[in-house]
């Protein structure tokens, strides 16, 4: 995520909406609409637990999002439950496989959590970024 003021404002607005709908299991996100097919997307990965697709606002030449297929309250990493450890591990494994496949020279995996973390969609998702040299520190 860039330090783009518009992106940070989107994150602040999304956080306010998420707080208003807690627990956010009923309000469908754009990712729920992608999962249902209501909004079409080109999948780069799909299995029983996860789906991955290109970010519509890429921050790197390769920018893939990996999401759990069943949100089940997993709106943020900080809200993960003990019984979700397997799906969390699977998401990270998938991100690693996609990173190796699409960015053999190296990649970064990012999870934005909450307003200050720049989270703009409250359905947990991992960003796989690559195709260029990443700078440090991020953000």
N, C-alpha and C. Protein backbone atom coordinates (compact mmCIF):
# COMPACT_ATOMS: atom_id res chain seq x y z
N UNK A 1 0.85 -1.17 0.00
CA UNK A 1 0.00 0.00 0.00
C UNK A 1 0.89 1.23 0.00
N UNK A 2 0.54 2.18 -0.81
CA UNK A 2 1.32 3.41 -0.89
C UNK A 2 0.89 4.37 0.21
N UNK A 3 1.61 5.46 0.33
CA UNK A 3 1.21 6.51 1.26
C UNK A 3 0.24 7.47 0.60
N UNK A 4 -0.42 7.04 -0.45
CA UNK A 4 -1.39 7.82 -1.18
C UNK A 4 -2.51 8.25 -0.22
N UNK A 5 -2.75 9.56 -0.08
CA UNK A 5 -3.80 10.02 0.84
C UNK A 5 -5.18 9.44 0.51
N UNK A 6 -5.49 9.23 -0.78
CA UNK A 6 -6.78 8.66 -1.15
C UNK A 6 -6.91 7.23 -0.63
N UNK A 7 -5.83 6.44 -0.72
CA UNK A 7 -5.84 5.06 -0.23
C UNK A 7 -6.01 5.04 1.29
N UNK A 8 -5.33 5.92 1.97
CA UNK A 8 -5.45 5.96 3.43
C UNK A 8 -6.84 6.43 3.85
N UNK A 9 -7.44 7.34 3.08
CA UNK A 9 -8.81 7.76 3.40
C UNK A 9 -9.78 6.61 3.19
N UNK A 10 -9.58 5.83 2.12
CA UNK A 10 -10.41 4.64 1.90
C UNK A 10 -10.30 3.69 3.09
N UNK A 11 -9.09 3.52 3.60
CA UNK A 11 -8.88 2.63 4.74
C UNK A 11 -9.59 3.17 5.98
N UNK A 12 -9.52 4.48 6.22
CA UNK A 12 -10.21 5.08 7.37
C UNK A 12 -11.72 4.91 7.23
N UNK A 13 -12.25 5.14 6.02
CA UNK A 13 -13.69 4.98 5.78
C UNK A 13 -14.13 3.54 5.95
N UNK A 14 -13.32 2.60 5.46
CA UNK A 14 -13.65 1.18 5.58
C UNK A 14 -13.64 0.75 7.05
N UNK A 15 -12.70 1.27 7.81
CA UNK A 15 -12.63 0.93 9.23
C UNK A 15 -13.86 1.44 9.97
N UNK A 16 -14.31 2.64 9.64
CA UNK A 16 -15.51 3.19 10.27
C UNK A 16 -16.73 2.34 9.92
N UNK A 17 -16.84 1.93 8.67
CA UNK A 17 -17.96 1.08 8.25
C UNK A 17 -17.90 -0.27 8.95
N UNK A 18 -16.71 -0.84 9.09
CA UNK A 18 -16.56 -2.14 9.76
C UNK A 18 -16.97 -2.03 11.22
N UNK A 19 -16.57 -0.94 11.89
CA UNK A 19 -16.96 -0.76 13.29
C UNK A 19 -18.47 -0.64 13.42
N UNK A 20 -19.12 -0.01 12.45
CA UNK A 20 -20.57 0.17 12.50
C UNK A 20 -21.31 -1.15 12.29
N UNK A 21 -20.68 -2.12 11.62
CA UNK A 21 -21.33 -3.40 11.31
C UNK A 21 -20.80 -4.56 12.13
N UNK A 22 -20.10 -4.32 13.25
CA UNK A 22 -19.51 -5.43 14.01
C UNK A 22 -20.59 -6.33 14.56
N UNK A 23 -20.43 -7.68 14.56
CA UNK A 23 -19.39 -8.36 13.82
C UNK A 23 -19.72 -8.37 12.34
N UNK A 24 -18.74 -8.15 11.51
CA UNK A 24 -18.96 -7.96 10.07
C UNK A 24 -19.07 -9.29 9.34
N UNK A 25 -20.08 -10.08 9.68
CA UNK A 25 -20.32 -11.34 8.98
C UNK A 25 -21.51 -11.23 8.04
N UNK A 26 -22.28 -10.18 8.15
CA UNK A 26 -23.49 -10.09 7.34
C UNK A 26 -23.33 -9.18 6.14
N UNK A 27 -22.59 -8.10 6.27
CA UNK A 27 -22.43 -7.17 5.16
C UNK A 27 -21.47 -7.76 4.13
N UNK A 28 -21.95 -8.04 2.91
CA UNK A 28 -21.04 -8.62 1.91
C UNK A 28 -19.99 -7.60 1.47
N UNK A 29 -18.77 -8.09 1.30
CA UNK A 29 -17.69 -7.25 0.81
C UNK A 29 -17.55 -7.48 -0.69
N UNK A 30 -16.69 -6.68 -1.31
CA UNK A 30 -16.41 -6.88 -2.73
C UNK A 30 -15.83 -8.28 -2.95
N UNK A 31 -15.09 -8.79 -1.98
CA UNK A 31 -14.53 -10.14 -2.13
C UNK A 31 -15.62 -11.20 -2.10
N UNK A 32 -16.65 -11.00 -1.28
CA UNK A 32 -17.79 -11.93 -1.29
C UNK A 32 -18.47 -11.93 -2.65
N UNK A 33 -18.54 -10.76 -3.27
CA UNK A 33 -19.15 -10.66 -4.60
C UNK A 33 -18.29 -11.31 -5.66
N UNK A 34 -16.98 -11.26 -5.51
CA UNK A 34 -16.08 -11.97 -6.42
C UNK A 34 -16.23 -13.48 -6.23
N UNK A 35 -16.31 -13.91 -4.97
CA UNK A 35 -16.45 -15.34 -4.68
C UNK A 35 -17.75 -15.91 -5.23
N UNK A 36 -18.82 -15.13 -5.15
CA UNK A 36 -20.13 -15.61 -5.62
C UNK A 36 -20.26 -15.54 -7.14
N UNK A 37 -19.36 -14.83 -7.80
CA UNK A 37 -19.45 -14.65 -9.24
C UNK A 37 -20.28 -13.45 -9.64
N UNK A 38 -20.82 -12.72 -8.66
CA UNK A 38 -21.59 -11.51 -8.95
C UNK A 38 -20.73 -10.50 -9.69
N UNK A 39 -19.46 -10.42 -9.30
CA UNK A 39 -18.47 -9.59 -9.99
C UNK A 39 -17.45 -10.55 -10.59
N UNK A 40 -17.24 -10.49 -11.90
CA UNK A 40 -16.27 -11.43 -12.49
C UNK A 40 -14.83 -11.05 -12.16
N UNK A 41 -13.99 -12.08 -12.10
CA UNK A 41 -12.57 -11.87 -11.89
C UNK A 41 -11.80 -13.00 -12.55
N UNK A 42 -10.56 -12.76 -12.82
CA UNK A 42 -9.68 -13.80 -13.36
C UNK A 42 -8.91 -14.39 -12.19
N UNK A 43 -9.21 -15.63 -11.89
CA UNK A 43 -8.57 -16.31 -10.77
C UNK A 43 -7.18 -16.79 -11.19
N UNK A 44 -6.22 -16.61 -10.30
CA UNK A 44 -4.90 -17.19 -10.52
C UNK A 44 -4.71 -18.41 -9.63
N UNK A 45 -5.64 -18.61 -8.67
CA UNK A 45 -5.62 -19.78 -7.80
C UNK A 45 -7.02 -19.97 -7.25
N UNK A 46 -7.41 -21.26 -7.08
CA UNK A 46 -8.73 -21.56 -6.54
C UNK A 46 -8.72 -22.97 -5.98
N UNK A 47 -9.09 -23.12 -4.70
CA UNK A 47 -9.28 -24.44 -4.11
C UNK A 47 -10.43 -24.34 -3.11
N UNK A 48 -10.62 -25.34 -2.27
CA UNK A 48 -11.74 -25.35 -1.33
C UNK A 48 -11.66 -24.26 -0.27
N UNK A 49 -10.45 -23.81 0.05
CA UNK A 49 -10.27 -22.86 1.15
C UNK A 49 -9.93 -21.44 0.71
N UNK A 50 -9.33 -21.30 -0.47
CA UNK A 50 -8.80 -20.00 -0.85
C UNK A 50 -9.00 -19.71 -2.33
N UNK A 51 -9.00 -18.43 -2.64
CA UNK A 51 -9.03 -17.97 -4.02
C UNK A 51 -8.04 -16.81 -4.12
N UNK A 52 -7.41 -16.69 -5.29
CA UNK A 52 -6.47 -15.59 -5.52
C UNK A 52 -6.73 -14.98 -6.88
N UNK A 53 -6.50 -13.67 -6.98
CA UNK A 53 -6.77 -12.92 -8.20
C UNK A 53 -5.93 -11.64 -8.17
N UNK A 54 -5.80 -10.99 -9.31
CA UNK A 54 -5.04 -9.75 -9.39
C UNK A 54 -5.76 -8.60 -8.72
N UNK A 55 -4.99 -7.74 -8.06
CA UNK A 55 -5.55 -6.53 -7.44
C UNK A 55 -5.94 -5.54 -8.53
N UNK A 56 -7.09 -4.90 -8.40
CA UNK A 56 -7.54 -3.94 -9.42
C UNK A 56 -6.78 -2.62 -9.33
N UNK A 57 -6.07 -2.40 -8.22
CA UNK A 57 -5.26 -1.19 -8.05
C UNK A 57 -3.85 -1.63 -7.66
N UNK A 58 -3.11 -2.22 -8.62
CA UNK A 58 -1.82 -2.80 -8.26
C UNK A 58 -0.79 -1.78 -7.80
N UNK A 59 -0.03 -2.19 -6.78
CA UNK A 59 1.05 -1.37 -6.24
C UNK A 59 2.42 -1.87 -6.69
N UNK A 60 2.42 -2.91 -7.53
CA UNK A 60 3.66 -3.48 -8.06
C UNK A 60 3.28 -4.17 -9.37
N UNK A 61 4.27 -4.48 -10.22
CA UNK A 61 3.96 -5.17 -11.47
C UNK A 61 3.17 -6.47 -11.25
N UNK A 62 3.48 -7.19 -10.18
CA UNK A 62 2.67 -8.33 -9.76
C UNK A 62 2.04 -7.98 -8.44
N UNK A 63 0.71 -8.04 -8.38
CA UNK A 63 -0.01 -7.74 -7.14
C UNK A 63 -1.23 -8.65 -7.10
N UNK A 64 -1.09 -9.73 -6.35
CA UNK A 64 -2.12 -10.75 -6.24
C UNK A 64 -2.71 -10.71 -4.83
N UNK A 65 -4.02 -10.88 -4.74
CA UNK A 65 -4.69 -10.97 -3.45
C UNK A 65 -5.10 -12.42 -3.21
N UNK A 66 -4.85 -12.91 -2.01
CA UNK A 66 -5.24 -14.26 -1.60
C UNK A 66 -6.26 -14.11 -0.48
N UNK A 67 -7.45 -14.71 -0.66
CA UNK A 67 -8.52 -14.55 0.32
C UNK A 67 -9.06 -15.91 0.75
N UNK A 68 -9.58 -15.97 1.98
CA UNK A 68 -10.28 -17.19 2.38
C UNK A 68 -11.65 -17.22 1.70
N UNK A 69 -12.08 -18.40 1.28
CA UNK A 69 -13.39 -18.51 0.63
C UNK A 69 -14.54 -18.32 1.61
N UNK A 70 -14.31 -18.67 2.87
CA UNK A 70 -15.34 -18.53 3.88
C UNK A 70 -14.84 -17.54 4.93
N UNK A 71 -15.44 -16.37 4.93
CA UNK A 71 -14.97 -15.30 5.82
C UNK A 71 -15.10 -15.71 7.29
N UNK A 72 -16.23 -16.24 7.69
CA UNK A 72 -16.43 -16.80 9.04
C UNK A 72 -15.87 -15.89 10.14
N UNK A 73 -16.15 -14.58 10.04
CA UNK A 73 -15.67 -13.63 11.03
C UNK A 73 -14.23 -13.19 10.83
N UNK A 74 -13.56 -13.74 9.84
CA UNK A 74 -12.15 -13.42 9.60
C UNK A 74 -12.06 -12.15 8.76
N UNK A 75 -12.42 -11.05 9.40
CA UNK A 75 -12.39 -9.75 8.74
C UNK A 75 -11.02 -9.10 8.85
N UNK A 76 -10.31 -9.42 9.92
CA UNK A 76 -8.98 -8.88 10.17
C UNK A 76 -8.12 -9.98 10.78
N UNK A 77 -6.82 -9.87 10.60
CA UNK A 77 -5.91 -10.83 11.21
C UNK A 77 -6.05 -10.81 12.73
N UNK A 78 -6.24 -9.62 13.29
CA UNK A 78 -6.34 -9.51 14.75
C UNK A 78 -7.61 -10.17 15.29
N UNK A 79 -8.54 -10.53 14.44
CA UNK A 79 -9.78 -11.20 14.87
C UNK A 79 -9.73 -12.71 14.66
N UNK A 80 -8.59 -13.22 14.22
CA UNK A 80 -8.48 -14.66 13.97
C UNK A 80 -8.68 -15.44 15.27
N UNK A 81 -9.36 -16.56 15.12
CA UNK A 81 -9.61 -17.45 16.25
C UNK A 81 -8.68 -18.67 16.17
N UNK A 82 -8.55 -19.36 17.27
CA UNK A 82 -7.71 -20.56 17.33
C UNK A 82 -8.14 -21.57 16.27
N UNK A 83 -9.45 -21.73 16.08
CA UNK A 83 -9.93 -22.73 15.12
C UNK A 83 -9.68 -22.31 13.66
N UNK A 84 -9.13 -21.14 13.43
CA UNK A 84 -8.83 -20.67 12.08
C UNK A 84 -7.34 -20.77 11.72
N UNK A 85 -6.55 -21.37 12.62
CA UNK A 85 -5.11 -21.47 12.36
C UNK A 85 -4.81 -22.22 11.07
N UNK A 86 -5.56 -23.27 10.78
CA UNK A 86 -5.29 -24.05 9.57
C UNK A 86 -5.54 -23.22 8.31
N UNK A 87 -6.62 -22.47 8.27
CA UNK A 87 -6.90 -21.66 7.08
C UNK A 87 -5.88 -20.54 6.96
N UNK A 88 -5.45 -19.96 8.09
CA UNK A 88 -4.42 -18.92 8.04
C UNK A 88 -3.12 -19.47 7.47
N UNK A 89 -2.73 -20.65 7.91
CA UNK A 89 -1.54 -21.29 7.38
C UNK A 89 -1.68 -21.60 5.90
N UNK A 90 -2.87 -22.04 5.50
CA UNK A 90 -3.11 -22.34 4.09
C UNK A 90 -2.99 -21.08 3.23
N UNK A 91 -3.55 -19.97 3.70
CA UNK A 91 -3.45 -18.72 2.96
C UNK A 91 -2.00 -18.30 2.77
N UNK A 92 -1.21 -18.43 3.81
CA UNK A 92 0.21 -18.07 3.72
C UNK A 92 0.95 -19.03 2.78
N UNK A 93 0.61 -20.32 2.84
CA UNK A 93 1.22 -21.29 1.93
C UNK A 93 0.89 -20.95 0.48
N UNK A 94 -0.38 -20.65 0.20
CA UNK A 94 -0.80 -20.29 -1.16
C UNK A 94 -0.07 -19.03 -1.61
N UNK A 95 0.03 -18.03 -0.73
CA UNK A 95 0.75 -16.80 -1.08
C UNK A 95 2.19 -17.11 -1.45
N UNK A 96 2.83 -18.00 -0.71
CA UNK A 96 4.20 -18.37 -1.02
C UNK A 96 4.33 -19.08 -2.35
N UNK A 97 3.41 -19.99 -2.64
CA UNK A 97 3.44 -20.69 -3.92
C UNK A 97 3.23 -19.72 -5.08
N UNK A 98 2.29 -18.79 -4.93
CA UNK A 98 2.04 -17.81 -5.99
C UNK A 98 3.23 -16.86 -6.14
N UNK A 99 3.84 -16.48 -5.02
CA UNK A 99 5.02 -15.63 -5.09
C UNK A 99 6.15 -16.30 -5.86
N UNK A 100 6.41 -17.56 -5.56
CA UNK A 100 7.46 -18.30 -6.27
C UNK A 100 7.14 -18.42 -7.76
N UNK A 101 5.88 -18.68 -8.06
CA UNK A 101 5.46 -18.87 -9.45
C UNK A 101 5.53 -17.58 -10.26
N UNK A 102 5.05 -16.49 -9.69
CA UNK A 102 4.92 -15.23 -10.44
C UNK A 102 6.10 -14.29 -10.26
N UNK A 103 6.89 -14.49 -9.21
CA UNK A 103 7.99 -13.57 -8.90
C UNK A 103 9.21 -14.37 -8.46
N UNK A 104 9.82 -15.11 -9.37
CA UNK A 104 10.93 -15.99 -8.99
C UNK A 104 12.14 -15.26 -8.40
N UNK A 105 12.27 -13.97 -8.63
CA UNK A 105 13.39 -13.20 -8.08
C UNK A 105 13.13 -12.71 -6.66
N UNK A 106 11.89 -12.86 -6.21
CA UNK A 106 11.54 -12.44 -4.85
C UNK A 106 10.21 -11.71 -4.83
N UNK A 107 9.61 -11.68 -3.67
CA UNK A 107 8.28 -11.08 -3.50
C UNK A 107 8.08 -10.70 -2.05
N UNK A 108 7.03 -9.98 -1.79
CA UNK A 108 6.65 -9.58 -0.43
C UNK A 108 5.21 -10.00 -0.20
N UNK A 109 4.91 -10.49 1.01
CA UNK A 109 3.54 -10.82 1.41
C UNK A 109 3.16 -9.83 2.50
N UNK A 110 2.01 -9.18 2.33
CA UNK A 110 1.57 -8.12 3.25
C UNK A 110 0.14 -8.41 3.69
N UNK A 111 -0.13 -8.16 4.98
CA UNK A 111 -1.50 -8.17 5.51
C UNK A 111 -1.71 -6.80 6.14
N UNK A 112 -2.67 -6.05 5.64
CA UNK A 112 -3.03 -4.77 6.23
C UNK A 112 -4.12 -5.04 7.27
N UNK A 113 -3.96 -4.52 8.47
CA UNK A 113 -4.91 -4.79 9.55
C UNK A 113 -5.35 -3.48 10.18
N UNK A 114 -6.62 -3.17 10.03
CA UNK A 114 -7.19 -1.98 10.65
C UNK A 114 -6.90 -0.69 9.90
N UNK A 115 -7.47 0.37 10.41
CA UNK A 115 -7.37 1.67 9.75
C UNK A 115 -5.93 2.15 9.61
N UNK A 116 -5.16 2.09 10.69
CA UNK A 116 -3.77 2.56 10.62
C UNK A 116 -2.91 1.62 9.77
N UNK A 117 -3.34 0.37 9.63
CA UNK A 117 -2.63 -0.57 8.78
C UNK A 117 -2.99 -0.45 7.32
N UNK A 118 -3.94 0.41 6.99
CA UNK A 118 -4.33 0.65 5.61
C UNK A 118 -5.31 -0.36 5.05
N UNK A 119 -6.03 -1.08 5.92
CA UNK A 119 -6.99 -2.08 5.44
C UNK A 119 -8.22 -1.39 4.86
N UNK A 120 -8.55 -1.72 3.61
CA UNK A 120 -9.70 -1.07 2.96
C UNK A 120 -10.84 -2.03 2.68
N UNK A 121 -10.63 -3.34 2.83
CA UNK A 121 -11.70 -4.33 2.68
C UNK A 121 -11.64 -5.23 3.91
N UNK A 122 -12.76 -5.33 4.63
CA UNK A 122 -12.79 -6.10 5.86
C UNK A 122 -13.24 -7.54 5.60
N UNK A 123 -12.37 -8.21 4.88
CA UNK A 123 -12.40 -9.65 4.60
C UNK A 123 -10.91 -9.95 4.49
N UNK A 124 -10.37 -10.69 5.45
CA UNK A 124 -8.93 -10.89 5.50
C UNK A 124 -8.39 -11.21 4.12
N UNK A 125 -7.27 -10.60 3.76
CA UNK A 125 -6.62 -10.88 2.48
C UNK A 125 -5.12 -10.63 2.59
N UNK A 126 -4.38 -11.43 1.84
CA UNK A 126 -2.93 -11.31 1.78
C UNK A 126 -2.56 -10.73 0.43
N UNK A 127 -1.67 -9.76 0.42
CA UNK A 127 -1.15 -9.17 -0.80
C UNK A 127 0.17 -9.86 -1.14
N UNK A 128 0.30 -10.35 -2.36
CA UNK A 128 1.57 -10.87 -2.86
C UNK A 128 2.07 -9.84 -3.87
N UNK A 129 3.18 -9.19 -3.54
CA UNK A 129 3.72 -8.11 -4.36
C UNK A 129 5.09 -8.49 -4.89
N UNK A 130 5.33 -8.22 -6.16
CA UNK A 130 6.64 -8.52 -6.73
C UNK A 130 6.78 -7.95 -8.12
N UNK A 131 7.81 -8.40 -8.81
CA UNK A 131 8.08 -7.92 -10.15
C UNK A 131 8.96 -6.68 -10.17
N UNK A 132 9.40 -6.25 -9.00
CA UNK A 132 10.33 -5.13 -8.88
C UNK A 132 11.02 -5.25 -7.53
N UNK A 133 12.07 -4.48 -7.33
CA UNK A 133 12.74 -4.46 -6.05
C UNK A 133 11.88 -3.70 -5.05
N UNK A 134 11.62 -4.31 -3.91
CA UNK A 134 10.82 -3.69 -2.87
C UNK A 134 11.71 -2.79 -2.00
N UNK A 135 11.18 -1.66 -1.60
CA UNK A 135 11.95 -0.76 -0.75
C UNK A 135 11.63 -1.06 0.72
N UNK A 136 12.51 -0.56 1.59
CA UNK A 136 12.30 -0.73 3.03
C UNK A 136 12.65 0.58 3.71
N UNK A 137 11.93 1.06 4.64
CA UNK A 137 10.75 0.41 5.20
C UNK A 137 9.53 0.62 4.30
N UNK A 138 8.57 -0.31 4.37
CA UNK A 138 7.35 -0.13 3.57
C UNK A 138 6.47 0.97 4.19
N UNK A 139 5.56 1.49 3.39
CA UNK A 139 4.60 2.48 3.90
C UNK A 139 5.24 3.74 4.18
